[in-house]
Amino acid sequence: MENDSIPRSLRRRGTKVPVDISMVPYGDFRYMVIAQFRDNNFFMFRQIKACVDTWESRGHIEVSKDNDFYYFYFQDPGDWAVFQGQYHTLNFKGGLLILRPWSLTMSYKSINFSETAIWVKVEGIPFILSTEDFTHNILSNTGGVLHMDEESLKRGPKRYMRALVWIKLSKPLVPGCYIEYEPGNMLWVDFRYEGVFRLYNKCGRIGHTMSECNKSWEMDE
């Protein structure tokens, strides 16, 4: 029986085992990042390893694989801090790799790869509307805005607004929206999801193209 199927009333019968996790030797886990592809394509492990070997780092980065999970072990804590501090996703040959840094209570059951943070560029906003508040407003349908890019917070006209957005990957990505700047007159703005190169716009889902889509769609008229 899976733990998730155990009724809450039965779980109360379980015993409590006190553990001081801070006293457990971390070993290889301390500077580990675990990852999973959000893509229909299959990538060879040796391709991933060869790519990592080209990264500029102060220490060795070891890579291993177990089924569809990839593990990155950083020898240098500085490399690990920079990596897990800057990247939520990586793009490898068009495939989106979702990253999760190690934590004290991480387990296979607790890891969630169905959501992640992605940088989104909003292109086509009129200069007068290129503000933080307006960007938060129009990106509200894509997910929760975590923070804005520093360049987007500066005053003056901008080519685009950029924000880090927490997105549920199980849902179709929103390609953009209309701005009704006066009754009957609307302007379309595009949402560009950084690192997402394989996206079928018809269904809005990451990781495949039209020929690989399992949705049934009617031909456009």
N, C-alpha and C. Protein backbone atom coordinates (compact mmCIF):
# COMPACT_ATOMS: atom_id res chain seq x y z
N MET A 1 0.84 -1.20 0.00
CA MET A 1 0.00 0.00 0.00
C MET A 1 0.87 1.24 0.00
N GLU A 2 0.57 2.17 -0.92
CA GLU A 2 1.32 3.41 -1.00
C GLU A 2 0.96 4.30 0.19
N ASN A 3 1.94 5.08 0.66
CA ASN A 3 1.71 5.96 1.80
C ASN A 3 0.57 6.92 1.55
N ASP A 4 0.43 7.40 0.30
CA ASP A 4 -0.61 8.38 0.00
C ASP A 4 -2.00 7.80 0.15
N SER A 5 -2.12 6.46 0.12
CA SER A 5 -3.44 5.85 0.21
C SER A 5 -3.81 5.51 1.65
N ILE A 6 -2.91 5.75 2.59
CA ILE A 6 -3.19 5.46 3.99
C ILE A 6 -4.04 6.57 4.58
N PRO A 7 -5.21 6.25 5.12
CA PRO A 7 -6.07 7.28 5.70
C PRO A 7 -5.37 8.02 6.84
N ARG A 8 -5.72 9.28 7.02
CA ARG A 8 -5.11 10.09 8.08
C ARG A 8 -5.34 9.47 9.45
N SER A 9 -6.51 8.84 9.63
CA SER A 9 -6.82 8.23 10.93
C SER A 9 -5.85 7.11 11.27
N LEU A 10 -5.40 6.37 10.23
CA LEU A 10 -4.44 5.29 10.46
C LEU A 10 -3.03 5.83 10.68
N ARG A 11 -2.74 6.95 10.03
CA ARG A 11 -1.40 7.53 10.19
C ARG A 11 -1.15 7.96 11.63
N ARG A 12 -2.22 8.30 12.33
CA ARG A 12 -2.07 8.73 13.72
C ARG A 12 -1.52 7.60 14.59
N ARG A 13 -1.67 6.36 14.14
CA ARG A 13 -1.18 5.23 14.91
C ARG A 13 0.33 5.03 14.76
N GLY A 14 0.91 5.71 13.78
CA GLY A 14 2.34 5.57 13.56
C GLY A 14 3.15 6.14 14.73
N THR A 15 4.28 5.55 14.99
CA THR A 15 5.13 6.02 16.07
C THR A 15 5.97 7.20 15.60
N LYS A 16 6.40 8.00 16.54
CA LYS A 16 7.23 9.15 16.25
C LYS A 16 8.68 8.80 16.57
N VAL A 17 9.55 8.95 15.57
CA VAL A 17 10.97 8.65 15.74
C VAL A 17 11.76 9.94 15.67
N PRO A 18 12.21 10.47 16.80
CA PRO A 18 12.98 11.73 16.79
C PRO A 18 14.36 11.54 16.16
N VAL A 19 14.71 12.42 15.25
CA VAL A 19 16.01 12.36 14.57
C VAL A 19 16.59 13.76 14.51
N ASP A 20 17.85 13.88 14.87
CA ASP A 20 18.56 15.15 14.73
C ASP A 20 19.28 15.10 13.38
N ILE A 21 18.61 15.61 12.34
CA ILE A 21 19.17 15.52 10.99
C ILE A 21 20.51 16.23 10.89
N SER A 22 20.66 17.29 11.67
CA SER A 22 21.91 18.06 11.59
C SER A 22 23.12 17.25 12.02
N MET A 23 22.89 16.14 12.75
CA MET A 23 24.01 15.30 13.20
C MET A 23 24.34 14.18 12.22
N VAL A 24 23.50 14.02 11.18
CA VAL A 24 23.74 12.98 10.19
C VAL A 24 24.77 13.47 9.18
N PRO A 25 25.81 12.67 8.89
CA PRO A 25 26.82 13.11 7.91
C PRO A 25 26.20 13.28 6.53
N TYR A 26 26.39 14.46 5.94
CA TYR A 26 25.77 14.76 4.66
C TYR A 26 26.44 14.05 3.50
N GLY A 27 27.74 13.88 3.58
CA GLY A 27 28.47 13.20 2.52
C GLY A 27 28.29 13.87 1.17
N ASP A 28 27.95 13.08 0.16
CA ASP A 28 27.81 13.60 -1.20
C ASP A 28 26.57 14.46 -1.38
N PHE A 29 25.66 14.43 -0.43
CA PHE A 29 24.39 15.13 -0.61
C PHE A 29 24.51 16.64 -0.43
N ARG A 30 25.48 17.10 0.33
CA ARG A 30 25.53 18.51 0.71
C ARG A 30 25.52 19.43 -0.51
N TYR A 31 26.31 19.11 -1.53
CA TYR A 31 26.41 19.97 -2.70
C TYR A 31 25.86 19.27 -3.94
N MET A 32 24.64 18.74 -3.79
CA MET A 32 24.02 17.98 -4.87
C MET A 32 22.82 18.76 -5.43
N VAL A 33 22.62 18.63 -6.75
CA VAL A 33 21.43 19.13 -7.43
C VAL A 33 20.84 17.97 -8.22
N ILE A 34 19.54 17.77 -8.09
CA ILE A 34 18.87 16.70 -8.82
C ILE A 34 18.01 17.32 -9.92
N ALA A 35 17.93 16.67 -11.07
CA ALA A 35 17.27 17.27 -12.22
C ALA A 35 16.48 16.23 -13.01
N GLN A 36 15.53 16.75 -13.80
CA GLN A 36 14.71 15.89 -14.66
C GLN A 36 14.32 16.67 -15.90
N PHE A 37 14.32 15.99 -17.04
CA PHE A 37 13.93 16.64 -18.30
C PHE A 37 12.43 16.77 -18.40
N ARG A 38 12.02 17.90 -18.97
CA ARG A 38 10.62 18.12 -19.33
C ARG A 38 10.56 18.10 -20.85
N ASP A 39 10.72 16.92 -21.42
CA ASP A 39 10.83 16.82 -22.87
C ASP A 39 10.55 15.40 -23.31
N ASN A 40 9.96 15.25 -24.49
CA ASN A 40 9.68 13.93 -25.03
C ASN A 40 10.91 13.27 -25.62
N ASN A 41 11.91 14.06 -25.96
CA ASN A 41 13.12 13.50 -26.55
C ASN A 41 13.94 12.74 -25.52
N PHE A 42 14.73 11.80 -26.01
CA PHE A 42 15.64 11.04 -25.15
C PHE A 42 17.06 11.58 -25.33
N PHE A 43 17.71 11.87 -24.21
CA PHE A 43 19.06 12.40 -24.25
C PHE A 43 20.02 11.39 -23.64
N MET A 44 21.12 11.14 -24.34
CA MET A 44 22.12 10.19 -23.87
C MET A 44 22.87 10.77 -22.68
N PHE A 45 23.16 9.92 -21.71
CA PHE A 45 23.87 10.37 -20.52
C PHE A 45 25.24 10.94 -20.87
N ARG A 46 25.90 10.30 -21.82
CA ARG A 46 27.24 10.78 -22.19
C ARG A 46 27.19 12.18 -22.79
N GLN A 47 26.07 12.54 -23.40
CA GLN A 47 25.92 13.90 -23.92
C GLN A 47 25.87 14.90 -22.77
N ILE A 48 25.11 14.56 -21.73
CA ILE A 48 25.02 15.43 -20.57
C ILE A 48 26.38 15.58 -19.90
N LYS A 49 27.06 14.46 -19.73
CA LYS A 49 28.37 14.47 -19.08
C LYS A 49 29.37 15.30 -19.87
N ALA A 50 29.38 15.15 -21.18
CA ALA A 50 30.30 15.91 -22.02
C ALA A 50 30.01 17.41 -21.93
N CYS A 51 28.75 17.77 -21.83
CA CYS A 51 28.37 19.18 -21.71
C CYS A 51 28.86 19.75 -20.39
N VAL A 52 28.65 19.02 -19.30
CA VAL A 52 29.07 19.49 -17.98
C VAL A 52 30.59 19.66 -17.92
N ASP A 53 31.32 18.79 -18.60
CA ASP A 53 32.79 18.88 -18.60
C ASP A 53 33.30 20.16 -19.25
N THR A 54 32.45 20.82 -20.02
CA THR A 54 32.86 22.07 -20.67
C THR A 54 32.58 23.29 -19.79
N TRP A 55 31.86 23.11 -18.68
CA TRP A 55 31.54 24.23 -17.80
C TRP A 55 32.79 24.76 -17.11
N GLU A 56 32.85 26.05 -16.94
CA GLU A 56 33.94 26.64 -16.18
C GLU A 56 33.61 26.53 -14.69
N SER A 57 34.46 25.84 -13.95
CA SER A 57 34.21 25.64 -12.51
C SER A 57 35.53 25.56 -11.77
N ARG A 58 35.46 25.84 -10.47
CA ARG A 58 36.67 25.78 -9.63
C ARG A 58 36.97 24.36 -9.18
N GLY A 59 35.97 23.52 -9.11
CA GLY A 59 36.15 22.14 -8.71
C GLY A 59 35.48 21.19 -9.68
N HIS A 60 35.70 19.91 -9.46
CA HIS A 60 35.13 18.88 -10.33
C HIS A 60 33.62 18.77 -10.10
N ILE A 61 32.87 18.55 -11.19
CA ILE A 61 31.42 18.33 -11.12
C ILE A 61 31.14 16.92 -11.63
N GLU A 62 30.65 16.07 -10.75
CA GLU A 62 30.35 14.70 -11.13
C GLU A 62 28.87 14.59 -11.50
N VAL A 63 28.58 13.78 -12.50
CA VAL A 63 27.20 13.59 -12.94
C VAL A 63 26.87 12.10 -12.94
N SER A 64 25.68 11.77 -12.44
CA SER A 64 25.22 10.39 -12.50
C SER A 64 23.75 10.38 -12.89
N LYS A 65 23.23 9.20 -13.21
CA LYS A 65 21.85 9.10 -13.70
C LYS A 65 21.20 7.85 -13.13
N ASP A 66 19.93 7.98 -12.74
CA ASP A 66 19.14 6.86 -12.27
C ASP A 66 17.75 6.99 -12.87
N ASN A 67 17.43 6.12 -13.82
CA ASN A 67 16.18 6.22 -14.58
C ASN A 67 16.09 7.60 -15.23
N ASP A 68 15.09 8.40 -14.88
CA ASP A 68 14.96 9.71 -15.51
C ASP A 68 15.45 10.84 -14.60
N PHE A 69 16.20 10.48 -13.55
CA PHE A 69 16.78 11.49 -12.66
C PHE A 69 18.26 11.66 -12.95
N TYR A 70 18.70 12.92 -12.97
CA TYR A 70 20.12 13.25 -13.13
C TYR A 70 20.62 13.91 -11.85
N TYR A 71 21.83 13.53 -11.43
CA TYR A 71 22.41 14.07 -10.20
C TYR A 71 23.71 14.80 -10.53
N PHE A 72 23.82 16.02 -10.03
CA PHE A 72 25.02 16.82 -10.19
C PHE A 72 25.66 16.99 -8.82
N TYR A 73 26.89 16.50 -8.66
CA TYR A 73 27.62 16.62 -7.40
C TYR A 73 28.75 17.62 -7.58
N PHE A 74 28.72 18.67 -6.78
CA PHE A 74 29.72 19.73 -6.89
C PHE A 74 30.79 19.55 -5.82
N GLN A 75 32.04 19.51 -6.26
CA GLN A 75 33.15 19.39 -5.32
C GLN A 75 33.38 20.69 -4.57
N ASP A 76 33.21 21.81 -5.27
CA ASP A 76 33.45 23.12 -4.68
C ASP A 76 32.12 23.73 -4.24
N PRO A 77 31.99 24.12 -2.97
CA PRO A 77 30.72 24.72 -2.50
C PRO A 77 30.38 26.03 -3.21
N GLY A 78 31.41 26.75 -3.66
CA GLY A 78 31.15 27.99 -4.39
C GLY A 78 30.47 27.72 -5.72
N ASP A 79 30.92 26.67 -6.44
CA ASP A 79 30.29 26.30 -7.70
C ASP A 79 28.83 25.93 -7.47
N TRP A 80 28.59 25.17 -6.40
CA TRP A 80 27.22 24.74 -6.09
C TRP A 80 26.34 25.94 -5.76
N ALA A 81 26.87 26.87 -4.98
CA ALA A 81 26.09 28.04 -4.58
C ALA A 81 25.73 28.89 -5.78
N VAL A 82 26.68 29.08 -6.69
CA VAL A 82 26.40 29.87 -7.89
C VAL A 82 25.38 29.16 -8.77
N PHE A 83 25.56 27.86 -8.94
CA PHE A 83 24.68 27.08 -9.81
C PHE A 83 23.25 27.07 -9.29
N GLN A 84 23.06 26.70 -8.04
CA GLN A 84 21.70 26.59 -7.52
C GLN A 84 21.09 27.94 -7.22
N GLY A 85 21.93 28.96 -7.12
CA GLY A 85 21.41 30.29 -6.88
C GLY A 85 20.96 31.00 -8.14
N GLN A 86 21.52 30.62 -9.29
CA GLN A 86 21.21 31.31 -10.54
C GLN A 86 20.25 30.56 -11.45
N TYR A 87 20.22 29.24 -11.33
CA TYR A 87 19.46 28.46 -12.31
C TYR A 87 18.33 27.66 -11.67
N HIS A 88 17.15 27.79 -12.23
CA HIS A 88 16.02 26.93 -11.88
C HIS A 88 15.81 25.90 -12.98
N THR A 89 16.21 26.29 -14.20
CA THR A 89 16.13 25.40 -15.34
C THR A 89 17.37 25.57 -16.20
N LEU A 90 17.69 24.56 -16.98
CA LEU A 90 18.74 24.64 -17.99
C LEU A 90 18.18 24.10 -19.30
N ASN A 91 18.70 24.60 -20.39
CA ASN A 91 18.29 24.09 -21.69
C ASN A 91 19.42 23.26 -22.27
N PHE A 92 19.10 22.02 -22.64
CA PHE A 92 20.10 21.14 -23.25
C PHE A 92 19.57 20.64 -24.57
N LYS A 93 20.20 21.12 -25.66
CA LYS A 93 19.81 20.70 -27.01
C LYS A 93 18.30 20.85 -27.22
N GLY A 94 17.74 21.94 -26.73
CA GLY A 94 16.32 22.21 -26.90
C GLY A 94 15.44 21.64 -25.81
N GLY A 95 15.98 20.74 -24.98
CA GLY A 95 15.20 20.13 -23.90
C GLY A 95 15.32 20.93 -22.61
N LEU A 96 14.22 21.07 -21.90
CA LEU A 96 14.21 21.83 -20.65
C LEU A 96 14.50 20.90 -19.48
N LEU A 97 15.56 21.23 -18.74
CA LEU A 97 15.98 20.44 -17.60
C LEU A 97 15.60 21.20 -16.33
N ILE A 98 14.72 20.59 -15.51
CA ILE A 98 14.26 21.21 -14.27
C ILE A 98 15.22 20.83 -13.15
N LEU A 99 15.65 21.84 -12.37
CA LEU A 99 16.67 21.64 -11.34
C LEU A 99 16.08 21.80 -9.95
N ARG A 100 16.55 20.95 -9.02
CA ARG A 100 16.16 21.07 -7.63
C ARG A 100 17.40 20.89 -6.74
N PRO A 101 17.81 21.93 -5.99
CA PRO A 101 18.95 21.80 -5.09
C PRO A 101 18.60 20.91 -3.90
N TRP A 102 19.61 20.23 -3.39
CA TRP A 102 19.41 19.33 -2.25
C TRP A 102 18.96 20.10 -1.03
N SER A 103 18.09 19.48 -0.23
CA SER A 103 17.68 20.03 1.06
C SER A 103 17.68 18.91 2.09
N LEU A 104 17.61 19.26 3.37
CA LEU A 104 17.72 18.27 4.44
C LEU A 104 16.66 17.18 4.37
N THR A 105 15.45 17.52 3.96
CA THR A 105 14.35 16.55 3.96
C THR A 105 13.99 16.04 2.57
N MET A 106 14.87 16.27 1.60
CA MET A 106 14.57 15.83 0.23
C MET A 106 14.48 14.31 0.14
N SER A 107 13.46 13.84 -0.57
CA SER A 107 13.30 12.42 -0.86
C SER A 107 12.65 12.31 -2.23
N TYR A 108 12.61 11.09 -2.79
CA TYR A 108 11.97 10.93 -4.09
C TYR A 108 10.50 11.34 -4.03
N LYS A 109 9.87 11.12 -2.90
CA LYS A 109 8.46 11.44 -2.76
C LYS A 109 8.21 12.94 -2.71
N SER A 110 9.18 13.67 -2.18
CA SER A 110 8.97 15.10 -1.97
C SER A 110 9.34 15.97 -3.17
N ILE A 111 10.11 15.41 -4.11
CA ILE A 111 10.57 16.21 -5.24
C ILE A 111 9.42 16.49 -6.20
N ASN A 112 9.25 17.76 -6.54
CA ASN A 112 8.18 18.16 -7.44
C ASN A 112 8.78 18.82 -8.68
N PHE A 113 8.67 18.13 -9.81
CA PHE A 113 9.18 18.67 -11.06
C PHE A 113 8.06 19.22 -11.94
N SER A 114 6.86 19.30 -11.41
CA SER A 114 5.73 19.78 -12.20
C SER A 114 5.59 21.30 -12.15
N GLU A 115 6.42 21.95 -11.33
CA GLU A 115 6.42 23.41 -11.23
C GLU A 115 7.86 23.89 -11.22
N THR A 116 8.08 25.08 -11.73
CA THR A 116 9.42 25.64 -11.71
C THR A 116 9.37 27.13 -12.00
N ALA A 117 10.50 27.79 -11.77
CA ALA A 117 10.61 29.22 -12.06
C ALA A 117 11.23 29.40 -13.45
N ILE A 118 10.61 30.22 -14.27
CA ILE A 118 11.09 30.49 -15.63
C ILE A 118 11.08 32.00 -15.86
N TRP A 119 12.15 32.49 -16.48
CA TRP A 119 12.18 33.90 -16.85
C TRP A 119 11.28 34.12 -18.05
N VAL A 120 10.44 35.13 -17.97
CA VAL A 120 9.49 35.45 -19.04
C VAL A 120 9.72 36.88 -19.50
N LYS A 121 9.89 37.05 -20.81
CA LYS A 121 9.98 38.39 -21.40
C LYS A 121 8.62 38.76 -21.97
N VAL A 122 8.18 39.95 -21.65
CA VAL A 122 6.93 40.48 -22.19
C VAL A 122 7.30 41.51 -23.26
N GLU A 123 7.03 41.17 -24.51
CA GLU A 123 7.44 42.01 -25.62
C GLU A 123 6.23 42.69 -26.27
N GLY A 124 6.38 43.97 -26.57
CA GLY A 124 5.32 44.70 -27.25
C GLY A 124 4.50 45.61 -26.35
N ILE A 125 4.91 45.75 -25.07
CA ILE A 125 4.18 46.66 -24.18
C ILE A 125 4.46 48.10 -24.58
N PRO A 126 3.42 48.94 -24.68
CA PRO A 126 3.66 50.36 -24.94
C PRO A 126 4.56 50.96 -23.87
N PHE A 127 5.38 51.91 -24.25
CA PHE A 127 6.33 52.51 -23.32
C PHE A 127 5.65 52.98 -22.04
N ILE A 128 4.47 53.58 -22.19
CA ILE A 128 3.79 54.17 -21.05
C ILE A 128 3.34 53.12 -20.03
N LEU A 129 3.22 51.84 -20.49
CA LEU A 129 2.77 50.76 -19.61
C LEU A 129 3.89 49.84 -19.15
N SER A 130 5.13 50.16 -19.49
CA SER A 130 6.25 49.29 -19.12
C SER A 130 6.67 49.57 -17.68
N THR A 131 5.78 49.16 -16.76
CA THR A 131 6.00 49.35 -15.33
C THR A 131 5.94 48.00 -14.61
N GLU A 132 6.45 48.00 -13.40
CA GLU A 132 6.45 46.77 -12.60
C GLU A 132 5.02 46.32 -12.30
N ASP A 133 4.16 47.24 -11.88
CA ASP A 133 2.79 46.88 -11.53
C ASP A 133 2.04 46.30 -12.71
N PHE A 134 2.20 46.91 -13.88
CA PHE A 134 1.48 46.42 -15.05
C PHE A 134 2.00 45.05 -15.48
N THR A 135 3.31 44.84 -15.37
CA THR A 135 3.90 43.54 -15.72
C THR A 135 3.37 42.45 -14.79
N HIS A 136 3.30 42.74 -13.49
CA HIS A 136 2.72 41.78 -12.55
C HIS A 136 1.29 41.46 -12.95
N ASN A 137 0.56 42.46 -13.37
CA ASN A 137 -0.85 42.29 -13.70
C ASN A 137 -1.04 41.36 -14.91
N ILE A 138 -0.32 41.62 -15.98
CA ILE A 138 -0.56 40.83 -17.19
C ILE A 138 0.07 39.44 -17.12
N LEU A 139 1.02 39.23 -16.19
CA LEU A 139 1.61 37.90 -16.03
C LEU A 139 0.89 37.07 -14.98
N SER A 140 -0.15 37.63 -14.40
CA SER A 140 -0.85 36.91 -13.32
C SER A 140 -1.49 35.61 -13.81
N ASN A 141 -1.84 35.53 -15.10
CA ASN A 141 -2.44 34.31 -15.64
C ASN A 141 -1.42 33.23 -15.96
N THR A 142 -0.14 33.59 -15.96
CA THR A 142 0.89 32.59 -16.25
C THR A 142 1.39 31.93 -14.98
N GLY A 143 1.31 32.62 -13.86
CA GLY A 143 1.81 32.11 -12.59
C GLY A 143 2.17 33.25 -11.67
N GLY A 144 2.76 32.94 -10.55
CA GLY A 144 3.13 33.97 -9.60
C GLY A 144 4.46 34.60 -9.92
N VAL A 145 4.51 35.91 -10.02
CA VAL A 145 5.76 36.63 -10.29
C VAL A 145 6.61 36.62 -9.02
N LEU A 146 7.84 36.08 -9.13
CA LEU A 146 8.74 36.02 -7.98
C LEU A 146 9.50 37.33 -7.81
N HIS A 147 10.10 37.81 -8.88
CA HIS A 147 10.72 39.13 -8.86
C HIS A 147 11.02 39.58 -10.29
N MET A 148 11.28 40.87 -10.39
CA MET A 148 11.53 41.49 -11.69
C MET A 148 13.03 41.57 -11.96
N ASP A 149 13.36 41.55 -13.22
CA ASP A 149 14.74 41.78 -13.64
C ASP A 149 15.12 43.24 -13.34
N GLU A 150 16.35 43.46 -12.90
CA GLU A 150 16.77 44.81 -12.51
C GLU A 150 16.63 45.81 -13.65
N GLU A 151 16.94 45.39 -14.87
CA GLU A 151 16.83 46.30 -16.01
C GLU A 151 15.39 46.74 -16.24
N SER A 152 14.45 45.86 -15.91
CA SER A 152 13.04 46.19 -16.11
C SER A 152 12.53 47.20 -15.08
N LEU A 153 13.26 47.37 -14.00
CA LEU A 153 12.85 48.29 -12.95
C LEU A 153 13.37 49.71 -13.16
N LYS A 154 14.25 49.86 -14.14
CA LYS A 154 14.79 51.19 -14.41
C LYS A 154 13.76 52.05 -15.13
N ARG A 155 13.90 53.34 -14.99
CA ARG A 155 12.97 54.26 -15.63
C ARG A 155 13.28 54.39 -17.12
N GLY A 156 12.26 54.79 -17.88
CA GLY A 156 12.48 55.02 -19.30
C GLY A 156 11.90 53.92 -20.16
N PRO A 157 11.87 54.13 -21.49
CA PRO A 157 11.32 53.14 -22.43
C PRO A 157 12.16 51.87 -22.46
N LYS A 158 11.50 50.75 -22.67
CA LYS A 158 12.18 49.44 -22.68
C LYS A 158 11.70 48.61 -23.85
N ARG A 159 12.60 47.80 -24.36
CA ARG A 159 12.23 46.90 -25.46
C ARG A 159 11.32 45.78 -24.97
N TYR A 160 11.50 45.39 -23.71
CA TYR A 160 10.66 44.34 -23.11
C TYR A 160 10.74 44.45 -21.59
N MET A 161 9.78 43.83 -20.93
CA MET A 161 9.81 43.67 -19.48
C MET A 161 10.12 42.21 -19.19
N ARG A 162 10.88 41.97 -18.12
CA ARG A 162 11.34 40.61 -17.84
C ARG A 162 11.11 40.29 -16.36
N ALA A 163 10.53 39.11 -16.10
CA ALA A 163 10.23 38.72 -14.73
C ALA A 163 10.44 37.22 -14.55
N LEU A 164 10.80 36.82 -13.33
CA LEU A 164 10.92 35.41 -12.99
C LEU A 164 9.57 34.96 -12.46
N VAL A 165 8.97 33.97 -13.12
CA VAL A 165 7.60 33.57 -12.82
C VAL A 165 7.56 32.10 -12.41
N TRP A 166 6.84 31.80 -11.33
CA TRP A 166 6.66 30.41 -10.91
C TRP A 166 5.51 29.81 -11.70
N ILE A 167 5.81 28.77 -12.49
CA ILE A 167 4.87 28.25 -13.48
C ILE A 167 4.58 26.77 -13.22
N LYS A 168 3.30 26.41 -13.37
CA LYS A 168 2.89 25.01 -13.31
C LYS A 168 3.02 24.42 -14.71
N LEU A 169 3.97 23.50 -14.87
CA LEU A 169 4.28 22.96 -16.20
C LEU A 169 3.20 22.01 -16.71
N SER A 170 2.32 21.56 -15.82
CA SER A 170 1.25 20.66 -16.25
C SER A 170 0.17 21.41 -17.02
N LYS A 171 0.18 22.74 -16.92
CA LYS A 171 -0.81 23.54 -17.62
C LYS A 171 -0.21 24.15 -18.88
N PRO A 172 -1.04 24.42 -19.89
CA PRO A 172 -0.53 25.07 -21.11
C PRO A 172 0.04 26.44 -20.79
N LEU A 173 1.15 26.78 -21.45
CA LEU A 173 1.73 28.09 -21.27
C LEU A 173 0.91 29.14 -22.03
N VAL A 174 0.74 30.28 -21.41
CA VAL A 174 -0.01 31.37 -22.04
C VAL A 174 0.91 32.09 -23.01
N PRO A 175 0.57 32.16 -24.30
CA PRO A 175 1.47 32.77 -25.30
C PRO A 175 1.54 34.28 -25.25
N GLY A 176 0.57 34.91 -24.63
CA GLY A 176 0.53 36.36 -24.57
C GLY A 176 -0.85 36.83 -24.17
N CYS A 177 -1.13 38.11 -24.39
CA CYS A 177 -2.46 38.63 -24.05
C CYS A 177 -2.75 39.89 -24.86
N TYR A 178 -4.01 40.26 -24.87
CA TYR A 178 -4.42 41.50 -25.52
C TYR A 178 -4.52 42.61 -24.48
N ILE A 179 -4.07 43.78 -24.85
CA ILE A 179 -4.24 44.98 -24.02
C ILE A 179 -5.28 45.86 -24.71
N GLU A 180 -6.39 46.10 -24.02
CA GLU A 180 -7.42 46.99 -24.57
C GLU A 180 -7.14 48.40 -24.04
N TYR A 181 -6.43 49.19 -24.83
CA TYR A 181 -6.01 50.51 -24.38
C TYR A 181 -7.10 51.56 -24.53
N GLU A 182 -8.14 51.25 -25.31
CA GLU A 182 -9.34 52.07 -25.39
C GLU A 182 -10.44 51.18 -25.93
N PRO A 183 -11.70 51.50 -25.67
CA PRO A 183 -12.80 50.62 -26.10
C PRO A 183 -12.73 50.27 -27.58
N GLY A 184 -12.67 48.96 -27.84
CA GLY A 184 -12.66 48.48 -29.22
C GLY A 184 -11.29 48.40 -29.86
N ASN A 185 -10.26 48.95 -29.21
CA ASN A 185 -8.90 48.91 -29.76
C ASN A 185 -8.00 48.11 -28.83
N MET A 186 -7.41 47.06 -29.41
CA MET A 186 -6.59 46.16 -28.61
C MET A 186 -5.22 45.98 -29.24
N LEU A 187 -4.25 45.64 -28.39
CA LEU A 187 -2.87 45.43 -28.82
C LEU A 187 -2.38 44.12 -28.23
N TRP A 188 -1.77 43.27 -29.07
CA TRP A 188 -1.27 41.97 -28.60
C TRP A 188 0.17 42.12 -28.11
N VAL A 189 0.46 41.50 -26.96
CA VAL A 189 1.84 41.43 -26.46
C VAL A 189 2.23 39.97 -26.31
N ASP A 190 3.49 39.66 -26.60
CA ASP A 190 3.99 38.28 -26.56
C ASP A 190 4.67 37.97 -25.24
N PHE A 191 4.50 36.72 -24.77
CA PHE A 191 5.24 36.21 -23.63
C PHE A 191 6.29 35.22 -24.17
N ARG A 192 7.57 35.53 -23.93
CA ARG A 192 8.65 34.66 -24.37
C ARG A 192 9.25 33.95 -23.16
N TYR A 193 9.14 32.62 -23.14
CA TYR A 193 9.62 31.82 -22.02
C TYR A 193 11.06 31.40 -22.28
N GLU A 194 11.98 31.94 -21.51
CA GLU A 194 13.40 31.71 -21.75
C GLU A 194 13.77 30.25 -21.48
N GLY A 195 14.54 29.67 -22.38
CA GLY A 195 14.97 28.28 -22.25
C GLY A 195 13.97 27.27 -22.77
N VAL A 196 12.78 27.72 -23.14
CA VAL A 196 11.75 26.81 -23.67
C VAL A 196 11.76 26.91 -25.18
N PHE A 197 12.43 25.94 -25.83
CA PHE A 197 12.57 25.96 -27.28
C PHE A 197 11.65 24.95 -27.97
N ARG A 198 11.17 23.97 -27.20
CA ARG A 198 10.26 22.96 -27.78
C ARG A 198 8.89 23.15 -27.15
N LEU A 199 8.06 23.91 -27.84
CA LEU A 199 6.73 24.24 -27.36
C LEU A 199 5.78 24.27 -28.54
N TYR A 200 4.75 23.43 -28.49
CA TYR A 200 3.75 23.43 -29.55
C TYR A 200 2.69 24.45 -29.18
N ASN A 201 2.63 25.54 -29.94
CA ASN A 201 1.74 26.64 -29.59
C ASN A 201 0.26 26.27 -29.61
N LYS A 202 -0.09 25.20 -30.33
CA LYS A 202 -1.49 24.81 -30.42
C LYS A 202 -2.03 24.34 -29.07
N CYS A 203 -1.22 23.53 -28.35
CA CYS A 203 -1.67 23.03 -27.05
C CYS A 203 -0.98 23.76 -25.90
N GLY A 204 0.12 24.46 -26.20
CA GLY A 204 0.80 25.26 -25.19
C GLY A 204 1.62 24.47 -24.20
N ARG A 205 1.95 23.23 -24.50
CA ARG A 205 2.69 22.40 -23.54
C ARG A 205 4.15 22.25 -23.94
N ILE A 206 4.99 22.20 -22.91
CA ILE A 206 6.44 22.14 -23.10
C ILE A 206 6.88 20.73 -23.46
N GLY A 207 7.92 20.64 -24.30
CA GLY A 207 8.61 19.37 -24.50
C GLY A 207 8.28 18.62 -25.76
N HIS A 208 7.40 19.15 -26.61
CA HIS A 208 7.11 18.43 -27.84
C HIS A 208 6.66 19.42 -28.91
N THR A 209 6.61 18.90 -30.13
CA THR A 209 6.19 19.70 -31.28
C THR A 209 4.88 19.14 -31.83
N MET A 210 4.42 19.70 -32.94
CA MET A 210 3.14 19.31 -33.50
C MET A 210 3.08 17.82 -33.82
N SER A 211 4.15 17.27 -34.41
CA SER A 211 4.13 15.87 -34.82
C SER A 211 4.11 14.93 -33.62
N GLU A 212 4.50 15.43 -32.43
CA GLU A 212 4.57 14.57 -31.25
C GLU A 212 3.39 14.81 -30.30
N CYS A 213 2.49 15.71 -30.66
CA CYS A 213 1.39 16.07 -29.77
C CYS A 213 0.34 14.97 -29.78
N ASN A 214 -0.09 14.55 -28.58
CA ASN A 214 -1.11 13.50 -28.49
C ASN A 214 -2.51 14.07 -28.35
N LYS A 215 -2.62 15.39 -28.46
CA LYS A 215 -3.94 16.01 -28.44
C LYS A 215 -4.55 15.96 -29.85
N SER A 216 -5.85 15.85 -29.92
CA SER A 216 -6.53 15.89 -31.22
C SER A 216 -7.05 17.29 -31.44
N TRP A 217 -6.65 17.88 -32.58
CA TRP A 217 -7.03 19.26 -32.87
C TRP A 217 -7.68 19.33 -34.25
N GLU A 218 -8.65 20.20 -34.38
CA GLU A 218 -9.25 20.44 -35.69
C GLU A 218 -8.36 21.37 -36.47
N MET A 219 -8.37 21.23 -37.77
CA MET A 219 -7.56 22.11 -38.63
C MET A 219 -8.08 23.53 -38.54
N ASP A 220 -7.14 24.48 -38.54
CA ASP A 220 -7.56 25.88 -38.53
C ASP A 220 -8.25 26.22 -39.85
N GLU A 221 -9.28 27.01 -39.75
CA GLU A 221 -9.99 27.42 -40.97
C GLU A 221 -9.32 28.63 -41.59
